[in-house]
Amino acid sequence: MQFEFTRRRSARSPVTDAATFRVARLNQASIAGRPGTDCSHIIDRSYNYHSPRELRWHLAERFGLPPADVSLREARA
């Protein structure tokens, strides 16, 4: 499955002191020129992600897929 997300800044992690982000919008990627489907409702958009990799793992868990089967890219602003 392919997804595209729009990042929204968030607080620094109190554990790692690293920058985190929240997902403003999550779309299933467009296929063959058709627009992507908004999937923002399937994740907790108030969660502070530490990396796109962590988001990919959450999506894989949500869909019961191995993480290697989930592709993720950040939308251009």
Protein backbone atom coordinates (compact mmCIF):
# COMPACT_ATOMS: atom_id res chain seq x y z
CA MET A 1 0.00 0.00 0.00
CA GLN A 2 1.22 3.47 -0.80
CA PHE A 3 0.49 6.51 1.34
CA GLU A 4 1.29 10.19 1.22
CA PHE A 5 1.26 12.36 4.34
CA THR A 6 1.37 16.05 5.12
CA ARG A 7 3.50 16.90 8.13
CA ARG A 8 2.53 19.34 10.85
CA ARG A 9 5.14 20.49 13.35
CA SER A 10 4.85 19.34 16.91
CA ALA A 11 6.70 19.56 20.20
CA ARG A 12 10.16 18.23 20.97
CA SER A 13 10.23 14.78 22.51
CA PRO A 14 10.73 14.92 26.28
CA VAL A 15 12.56 11.56 26.05
CA THR A 16 14.96 12.11 23.16
CA ASP A 17 14.86 15.91 22.80
CA ALA A 18 14.33 15.35 19.07
CA ALA A 19 11.83 17.18 16.89
CA THR A 20 8.56 15.34 16.36
CA PHE A 21 5.69 15.85 13.94
CA ARG A 22 1.99 15.21 13.71
CA VAL A 23 0.17 14.14 10.59
CA ALA A 24 -2.06 16.88 9.21
CA ARG A 25 -3.40 14.71 6.38
CA LEU A 26 -2.92 11.12 5.22
CA ASN A 27 -3.90 9.98 1.72
CA GLN A 28 -3.71 6.65 0.03
CA ALA A 29 -1.50 7.47 -2.96
CA SER A 30 -3.09 8.16 -6.31
CA ILE A 31 -2.98 5.37 -8.86
CA ALA A 32 -3.19 5.77 -12.65
CA GLY A 33 -4.04 9.46 -12.47
CA ARG A 34 -6.91 9.04 -10.03
CA PRO A 35 -6.76 11.23 -6.94
CA GLY A 36 -5.74 9.65 -3.65
CA THR A 37 -8.25 8.73 -0.96
CA ASP A 38 -8.20 10.63 2.33
CA CYS A 39 -7.33 8.13 5.09
CA SER A 40 -6.67 10.63 7.89
CA HIS A 41 -9.33 9.01 10.06
CA ILE A 42 -7.42 5.73 10.45
CA ILE A 43 -4.63 7.18 12.63
CA ASP A 44 -4.44 9.30 15.76
CA ARG A 45 -3.45 12.69 14.35
CA SER A 46 -2.60 13.99 17.82
CA TYR A 47 0.26 11.48 18.15
CA ASN A 48 3.80 12.91 17.98
CA TYR A 49 5.76 10.80 15.49
CA HIS A 50 9.54 10.76 15.73
CA SER A 51 10.10 9.71 12.11
CA PRO A 52 8.28 8.72 8.93
CA ARG A 53 9.52 5.19 9.64
CA GLU A 54 7.49 5.13 12.85
CA LEU A 55 4.40 6.26 10.90
CA ARG A 56 5.02 3.51 8.34
CA TRP A 57 5.14 0.93 11.15
CA HIS A 58 1.87 2.24 12.61
CA LEU A 59 0.19 1.99 9.21
CA ALA A 60 1.48 -1.53 8.68
CA GLU A 61 0.12 -2.55 12.07
CA ARG A 62 -3.24 -0.91 11.33
CA PHE A 63 -3.63 -2.87 8.08
CA GLY A 64 -2.06 -6.10 9.34
CA LEU A 65 0.76 -5.90 6.80
CA PRO A 66 4.51 -6.35 7.05
CA PRO A 67 6.18 -2.90 7.18
CA ALA A 68 7.99 -3.69 3.91
CA ASP A 69 4.59 -3.73 2.14
CA VAL A 70 3.81 -0.14 3.14
CA SER A 71 5.27 2.70 1.12
CA LEU A 72 5.20 6.23 2.52
CA ARG A 73 6.16 9.60 1.10
CA GLU A 74 5.79 13.15 2.29
CA ALA A 75 3.55 15.46 0.27
CA ARG A 76 5.14 18.55 -1.17
CA ALA A 77 3.97 21.77 0.37
